[in-house]
PDB file of N, CA and C in Angstrom:
ATOM      1  N   MET A   1      20.635 -35.799  -4.432  1.00  0.00           N
ATOM      2  CA  MET A   1      19.472 -34.964  -4.285  1.00  0.00           C
ATOM      3  C   MET A   1      19.559 -33.802  -5.268  1.00  0.00           C
ATOM      4  N   GLU A   2      18.419 -33.372  -5.780  1.00  0.00           N
ATOM      5  CA  GLU A   2      18.348 -32.259  -6.718  1.00  0.00           C
ATOM      6  C   GLU A   2      17.453 -31.165  -6.160  1.00  0.00           C
ATOM      7  N   THR A   3      17.655 -29.966  -6.652  1.00  0.00           N
ATOM      8  CA  THR A   3      16.796 -28.838  -6.300  1.00  0.00           C
ATOM      9  C   THR A   3      16.097 -28.368  -7.561  1.00  0.00           C
ATOM     10  N   PHE A   4      14.803 -28.193  -7.468  1.00  0.00           N
ATOM     11  CA  PHE A   4      14.008 -27.697  -8.580  1.00  0.00           C
ATOM     12  C   PHE A   4      13.479 -26.315  -8.224  1.00  0.00           C
ATOM     13  N   ILE A   5      13.608 -25.398  -9.134  1.00  0.00           N
ATOM     14  CA  ILE A   5      13.040 -24.066  -8.943  1.00  0.00           C
ATOM     15  C   ILE A   5      11.881 -23.940  -9.923  1.00  0.00           C
ATOM     16  N   VAL A   6      10.706 -23.673  -9.387  1.00  0.00           N
ATOM     17  CA  VAL A   6       9.486 -23.622 -10.188  1.00  0.00           C
ATOM     18  C   VAL A   6       8.968 -22.189 -10.191  1.00  0.00           C
ATOM     19  N   HIS A   7       8.485 -21.735 -11.334  1.00  0.00           N
ATOM     20  CA  HIS A   7       7.972 -20.380 -11.463  1.00  0.00           C
ATOM     21  C   HIS A   7       6.513 -20.414 -11.909  1.00  0.00           C
ATOM     22  N   PRO A   8       5.579 -20.583 -10.988  1.00  0.00           N
ATOM     23  CA  PRO A   8       4.175 -20.577 -11.390  1.00  0.00           C
ATOM     24  C   PRO A   8       3.777 -19.199 -11.930  1.00  0.00           C
ATOM     25  N   LYS A   9       2.906 -19.212 -12.928  1.00  0.00           N
ATOM     26  CA  LYS A   9       2.493 -17.960 -13.579  1.00  0.00           C
ATOM     27  C   LYS A   9       1.406 -17.232 -12.804  1.00  0.00           C
ATOM     28  N   ASN A  10       0.665 -17.971 -11.980  1.00  0.00           N
ATOM     29  CA  ASN A  10      -0.440 -17.346 -11.259  1.00  0.00           C
ATOM     30  C   ASN A  10      -0.713 -18.118  -9.969  1.00  0.00           C
ATOM     31  N   ASN A  11      -1.657 -17.619  -9.210  1.00  0.00           N
ATOM     32  CA  ASN A  11      -1.977 -18.215  -7.919  1.00  0.00           C
ATOM     33  C   ASN A  11      -2.549 -19.626  -8.067  1.00  0.00           C
ATOM     34  N   GLU A  12      -3.299 -19.874  -9.127  1.00  0.00           N
ATOM     35  CA  GLU A  12      -3.875 -21.204  -9.360  1.00  0.00           C
ATOM     36  C   GLU A  12      -2.767 -22.238  -9.560  1.00  0.00           C
ATOM     37  N   GLU A  13      -1.779 -21.927 -10.379  1.00  0.00           N
ATOM     38  CA  GLU A  13      -0.651 -22.845 -10.587  1.00  0.00           C
ATOM     39  C   GLU A  13       0.110 -23.071  -9.287  1.00  0.00           C
ATOM     40  N   ARG A  14       0.285 -22.015  -8.510  1.00  0.00           N
ATOM     41  CA  ARG A  14       0.991 -22.129  -7.234  1.00  0.00           C
ATOM     42  C   ARG A  14       0.273 -23.108  -6.311  1.00  0.00           C
ATOM     43  N   LYS A  15      -1.050 -22.982  -6.239  1.00  0.00           N
ATOM     44  CA  LYS A  15      -1.829 -23.864  -5.371  1.00  0.00           C
ATOM     45  C   LYS A  15      -1.747 -25.320  -5.826  1.00  0.00           C
ATOM     46  N   VAL A  16      -1.797 -25.554  -7.149  1.00  0.00           N
ATOM     47  CA  VAL A  16      -1.731 -26.915  -7.681  1.00  0.00           C
ATOM     48  C   VAL A  16      -0.370 -27.539  -7.377  1.00  0.00           C
ATOM     49  N   ILE A  17       0.690 -26.783  -7.577  1.00  0.00           N
ATOM     50  CA  ILE A  17       2.044 -27.296  -7.311  1.00  0.00           C
ATOM     51  C   ILE A  17       2.201 -27.621  -5.831  1.00  0.00           C
ATOM     52  N   LYS A  18       1.725 -26.727  -4.979  1.00  0.00           N
ATOM     53  CA  LYS A  18       1.825 -26.949  -3.539  1.00  0.00           C
ATOM     54  C   LYS A  18       1.032 -28.195  -3.127  1.00  0.00           C
ATOM     55  N   ALA A  19      -0.174 -28.349  -3.653  1.00  0.00           N
ATOM     56  CA  ALA A  19      -1.000 -29.517  -3.327  1.00  0.00           C
ATOM     57  C   ALA A  19      -0.330 -30.804  -3.808  1.00  0.00           C
ATOM     58  N   PHE A  20       0.270 -30.763  -4.987  1.00  0.00           N
ATOM     59  CA  PHE A  20       0.961 -31.928  -5.545  1.00  0.00           C
ATOM     60  C   PHE A  20       2.119 -32.360  -4.635  1.00  0.00           C
ATOM     61  N   LEU A  21       2.935 -31.398  -4.235  1.00  0.00           N
ATOM     62  CA  LEU A  21       4.078 -31.703  -3.374  1.00  0.00           C
ATOM     63  C   LEU A  21       3.621 -32.230  -2.012  1.00  0.00           C
ATOM     64  N   GLU A  22       2.580 -31.635  -1.473  1.00  0.00           N
ATOM     65  CA  GLU A  22       2.060 -32.099  -0.187  1.00  0.00           C
ATOM     66  C   GLU A  22       1.485 -33.506  -0.304  1.00  0.00           C
ATOM     67  N   ALA A  23       0.791 -33.807  -1.410  1.00  0.00           N
ATOM     68  CA  ALA A  23       0.197 -35.130  -1.606  1.00  0.00           C
ATOM     69  C   ALA A  23       1.262 -36.214  -1.677  1.00  0.00           C
ATOM     70  N   LEU A  24       2.401 -35.885  -2.257  1.00  0.00           N
ATOM     71  CA  LEU A  24       3.497 -36.847  -2.360  1.00  0.00           C
ATOM     72  C   LEU A  24       4.427 -36.799  -1.150  1.00  0.00           C
ATOM     73  N   LYS A  25       4.090 -35.954  -0.193  1.00  0.00           N
ATOM     74  CA  LYS A  25       4.890 -35.780   1.023  1.00  0.00           C
ATOM     75  C   LYS A  25       6.343 -35.412   0.707  1.00  0.00           C
ATOM     76  N   ILE A  26       6.476 -34.510  -0.278  1.00  0.00           N
ATOM     77  CA  ILE A  26       7.793 -34.000  -0.661  1.00  0.00           C
ATOM     78  C   ILE A  26       8.024 -32.699   0.099  1.00  0.00           C
ATOM     79  N   LYS A  27       9.158 -32.613   0.773  1.00  0.00           N
ATOM     80  CA  LYS A  27       9.493 -31.386   1.492  1.00  0.00           C
ATOM     81  C   LYS A  27       9.756 -30.275   0.483  1.00  0.00           C
ATOM     82  N   PHE A  28       9.303 -29.068   0.818  1.00  0.00           N
ATOM     83  CA  PHE A  28       9.560 -27.924  -0.061  1.00  0.00           C
ATOM     84  C   PHE A  28       9.605 -26.649   0.773  1.00  0.00           C
ATOM     85  N   GLU A  29      10.211 -25.643   0.198  1.00  0.00           N
ATOM     86  CA  GLU A  29      10.276 -24.329   0.823  1.00  0.00           C
ATOM     87  C   GLU A  29       9.648 -23.336  -0.128  1.00  0.00           C
ATOM     88  N   ASN A  30       8.993 -22.348   0.435  1.00  0.00           N
ATOM     89  CA  ASN A  30       8.332 -21.330  -0.375  1.00  0.00           C
ATOM     90  C   ASN A  30       9.016 -19.991  -0.126  1.00  0.00           C
ATOM     91  N   PHE A  31       9.576 -19.401  -1.154  1.00  0.00           N
ATOM     92  CA  PHE A  31      10.225 -18.104  -1.063  1.00  0.00           C
ATOM     93  C   PHE A  31       9.504 -17.138  -1.982  1.00  0.00           C
ATOM     94  N   LYS A  32       9.193 -15.971  -1.468  1.00  0.00           N
ATOM     95  CA  LYS A  32       8.577 -14.936  -2.301  1.00  0.00           C
ATOM     96  C   LYS A  32       9.685 -14.070  -2.870  1.00  0.00           C
ATOM     97  N   ASN A  33       9.640 -13.832  -4.159  1.00  0.00           N
ATOM     98  CA  ASN A  33      10.672 -13.039  -4.823  1.00  0.00           C
ATOM     99  C   ASN A  33      10.429 -11.544  -4.702  1.00  0.00           C
ATOM    100  N   LYS A  34       9.184 -11.149  -4.804  1.00  0.00           N
ATOM    101  CA  LYS A  34       8.856  -9.736  -4.730  1.00  0.00           C
ATOM    102  C   LYS A  34       7.453  -9.596  -4.168  1.00  0.00           C
ATOM    103  N   PRO A  35       7.199  -8.486  -3.550  1.00  0.00           N
ATOM    104  CA  PRO A  35       5.868  -8.287  -2.997  1.00  0.00           C
ATOM    105  C   PRO A  35       4.809  -8.267  -4.092  1.00  0.00           C
ATOM    106  N   GLU A  36       3.711  -8.873  -3.793  1.00  0.00           N
ATOM    107  CA  GLU A  36       2.586  -8.860  -4.711  1.00  0.00           C
ATOM    108  C   GLU A  36       1.415  -8.206  -4.008  1.00  0.00           C
ATOM    109  N   GLU A  37       0.393  -7.919  -4.771  1.00  0.00           N
ATOM    110  CA  GLU A  37      -0.795  -7.317  -4.199  1.00  0.00           C
ATOM    111  C   GLU A  37      -1.299  -8.194  -3.056  1.00  0.00           C
ATOM    112  N   GLY A  38      -1.600  -7.597  -1.942  1.00  0.00           N
ATOM    113  CA  GLY A  38      -2.092  -8.351  -0.804  1.00  0.00           C
ATOM    114  C   GLY A  38      -1.007  -8.767   0.169  1.00  0.00           C
ATOM    115  N   ASP A  39       0.251  -8.459  -0.141  1.00  0.00           N
ATOM    116  CA  ASP A  39       1.339  -8.843   0.752  1.00  0.00           C
ATOM    117  C   ASP A  39       1.489  -7.890   1.937  1.00  0.00           C
ATOM    118  N   TYR A  40       0.873  -6.728   1.872  1.00  0.00           N
ATOM    119  CA  TYR A  40       0.989  -5.748   2.936  1.00  0.00           C
ATOM    120  C   TYR A  40      -0.285  -5.745   3.782  1.00  0.00           C
ATOM    121  N   SER A  41      -0.133  -5.431   5.051  1.00  0.00           N
ATOM    122  CA  SER A  41      -1.293  -5.395   5.933  1.00  0.00           C
ATOM    123  C   SER A  41      -2.224  -4.258   5.499  1.00  0.00           C
ATOM    124  N   PRO A  42      -3.525  -4.452   5.665  1.00  0.00           N
ATOM    125  CA  PRO A  42      -4.483  -3.399   5.291  1.00  0.00           C
ATOM    126  C   PRO A  42      -4.218  -2.082   6.024  1.00  0.00           C
ATOM    127  N   GLU A  43      -3.762  -2.168   7.268  1.00  0.00           N
ATOM    128  CA  GLU A  43      -3.475  -0.953   8.028  1.00  0.00           C
ATOM    129  C   GLU A  43      -2.334  -0.161   7.398  1.00  0.00           C
ATOM    130  N   PHE A  44      -1.303  -0.869   6.958  1.00  0.00           N
ATOM    131  CA  PHE A  44      -0.166  -0.212   6.327  1.00  0.00           C
ATOM    132  C   PHE A  44      -0.581   0.444   5.009  1.00  0.00           C
ATOM    133  N   VAL A  45      -1.351  -0.274   4.212  1.00  0.00           N
ATOM    134  CA  VAL A  45      -1.816   0.261   2.928  1.00  0.00           C
ATOM    135  C   VAL A  45      -2.667   1.505   3.158  1.00  0.00           C
ATOM    136  N   GLN A  46      -3.552   1.454   4.150  1.00  0.00           N
ATOM    137  CA  GLN A  46      -4.405   2.589   4.461  1.00  0.00           C
ATOM    138  C   GLN A  46      -3.564   3.790   4.894  1.00  0.00           C
ATOM    139  N   MET A  47      -2.533   3.564   5.708  1.00  0.00           N
ATOM    140  CA  MET A  47      -1.664   4.647   6.154  1.00  0.00           C
ATOM    141  C   MET A  47      -0.948   5.298   4.971  1.00  0.00           C
ATOM    142  N   VAL A  48      -0.423   4.492   4.064  1.00  0.00           N
ATOM    143  CA  VAL A  48       0.287   5.029   2.896  1.00  0.00           C
ATOM    144  C   VAL A  48      -0.665   5.841   2.020  1.00  0.00           C
ATOM    145  N   GLU A  49      -1.861   5.306   1.777  1.00  0.00           N
ATOM    146  CA  GLU A  49      -2.842   6.019   0.947  1.00  0.00           C
ATOM    147  C   GLU A  49      -3.246   7.342   1.599  1.00  0.00           C
ATOM    148  N   GLN A  50      -3.439   7.331   2.916  1.00  0.00           N
ATOM    149  CA  GLN A  50      -3.806   8.561   3.618  1.00  0.00           C
ATOM    150  C   GLN A  50      -2.687   9.590   3.513  1.00  0.00           C
ATOM    151  N   ASN A  51      -1.446   9.146   3.645  1.00  0.00           N
ATOM    152  CA  ASN A  51      -0.313  10.065   3.525  1.00  0.00           C
ATOM    153  C   ASN A  51      -0.203  10.637   2.118  1.00  0.00           C
ATOM    154  N   ARG A  52      -0.509   9.845   1.111  1.00  0.00           N
ATOM    155  CA  ARG A  52      -0.502  10.357  -0.271  1.00  0.00           C
ATOM    156  C   ARG A  52      -1.569  11.437  -0.443  1.00  0.00           C
ATOM    157  N   LYS A  53      -2.764  11.186   0.100  1.00  0.00           N
ATOM    158  CA  LYS A  53      -3.845  12.178   0.014  1.00  0.00           C
ATOM    159  C   LYS A  53      -3.456  13.458   0.745  1.00  0.00           C
ATOM    160  N   ASN A  54      -2.865  13.309   1.920  1.00  0.00           N
ATOM    161  CA  ASN A  54      -2.431  14.480   2.685  1.00  0.00           C
ATOM    162  C   ASN A  54      -1.407  15.292   1.904  1.00  0.00           C
ATOM    163  N   TYR A  55      -0.473  14.622   1.268  1.00  0.00           N
ATOM    164  CA  TYR A  55       0.562  15.324   0.509  1.00  0.00           C
ATOM    165  C   TYR A  55      -0.053  16.086  -0.661  1.00  0.00           C
ATOM    166  N   LYS A  56      -0.972  15.424  -1.375  1.00  0.00           N
ATOM    167  CA  LYS A  56      -1.628  16.081  -2.516  1.00  0.00           C
ATOM    168  C   LYS A  56      -2.457  17.284  -2.063  1.00  0.00           C
ATOM    169  N   ALA A  57      -2.958  17.241  -0.831  1.00  0.00           N
ATOM    170  CA  ALA A  57      -3.750  18.340  -0.296  1.00  0.00           C
ATOM    171  C   ALA A  57      -2.874  19.442   0.293  1.00  0.00           C
ATOM    172  N   GLY A  58      -1.577  19.321   0.143  1.00  0.00           N
ATOM    173  CA  GLY A  58      -0.662  20.345   0.630  1.00  0.00           C
ATOM    174  C   GLY A  58      -0.273  20.194   2.089  1.00  0.00           C
ATOM    175  N   LYS A  59      -0.541  19.048   2.673  1.00  0.00           N
ATOM    176  CA  LYS A  59      -0.236  18.819   4.089  1.00  0.00           C
ATOM    177  C   LYS A  59       1.051  18.006   4.256  1.00  0.00           C
ATOM    178  N   GLY A  60       2.024  18.272   3.421  1.00  0.00           N
ATOM    179  CA  GLY A  60       3.281  17.543   3.506  1.00  0.00           C
ATOM    180  C   GLY A  60       4.443  18.501   3.382  1.00  0.00           C
ATOM    181  N   ILE A  61       5.627  17.979   3.534  1.00  0.00           N
ATOM    182  CA  ILE A  61       6.813  18.798   3.358  1.00  0.00           C
ATOM    183  C   ILE A  61       7.714  18.128   2.320  1.00  0.00           C
ATOM    184  N   GLU A  62       8.475  18.949   1.645  1.00  0.00           N
ATOM    185  CA  GLU A  62       9.448  18.425   0.696  1.00  0.00           C
ATOM    186  C   GLU A  62      10.825  18.605   1.300  1.00  0.00           C
ATOM    187  N   ILE A  63      11.660  17.600   1.110  1.00  0.00           N
ATOM    188  CA  ILE A  63      13.011  17.647   1.635  1.00  0.00           C
ATOM    189  C   ILE A  63      13.969  17.541   0.460  1.00  0.00           C
ATOM    190  N   ASN A  64      14.867  18.494   0.359  1.00  0.00           N
ATOM    191  CA  ASN A  64      15.873  18.483  -0.682  1.00  0.00           C
ATOM    192  C   ASN A  64      16.903  17.413  -0.333  1.00  0.00           C
ATOM    193  N   LEU A  65      17.117  16.473  -1.211  1.00  0.00           N
ATOM    194  CA  LEU A  65      18.040  15.375  -0.936  1.00  0.00           C
ATOM    195  C   LEU A  65      19.460  15.844  -0.642  1.00  0.00           C
ATOM    196  N   ASP A  66      19.847  16.954  -1.245  1.00  0.00           N
ATOM    197  CA  ASP A  66      21.186  17.490  -0.969  1.00  0.00           C
ATOM    198  C   ASP A  66      21.303  17.957   0.484  1.00  0.00           C
ATOM    199  N   GLU A  67      20.191  18.393   1.069  1.00  0.00           N
ATOM    200  CA  GLU A  67      20.195  18.901   2.447  1.00  0.00           C
ATOM    201  C   GLU A  67      20.182  17.773   3.486  1.00  0.00           C
ATOM    202  N   ILE A  68      19.711  16.608   3.117  1.00  0.00           N
ATOM    203  CA  ILE A  68      19.609  15.491   4.063  1.00  0.00           C
ATOM    204  C   ILE A  68      20.977  15.122   4.611  1.00  0.00           C
ATOM    205  N   TRP A  69      21.976  15.146   3.791  1.00  0.00           N
ATOM    206  CA  TRP A  69      23.287  14.635   4.173  1.00  0.00           C
ATOM    207  C   TRP A  69      24.161  15.678   4.846  1.00  0.00           C
ATOM    208  N   LYS A  70      23.638  16.857   5.093  1.00  0.00           N
ATOM    209  CA  LYS A  70      24.441  17.901   5.751  1.00  0.00           C
ATOM    210  C   LYS A  70      24.271  17.866   7.242  1.00  0.00           C
TER     211      LYS A  70
END
């Protein structure tokens, strides 16, 4: 048995490869290497964006990294 690692360049290639493997009834596993756009829930993205806006508006605190470990 052999293992093939495939690196599709875009979502279209990914879909074609997946359809091909499914059509031939070849078992495969899908692993994501890094987060891509759309990998996070909309609620999480909204929370992060709101926190960024709050910080820019002066509604945040700064923590000195040297003080964290004391």
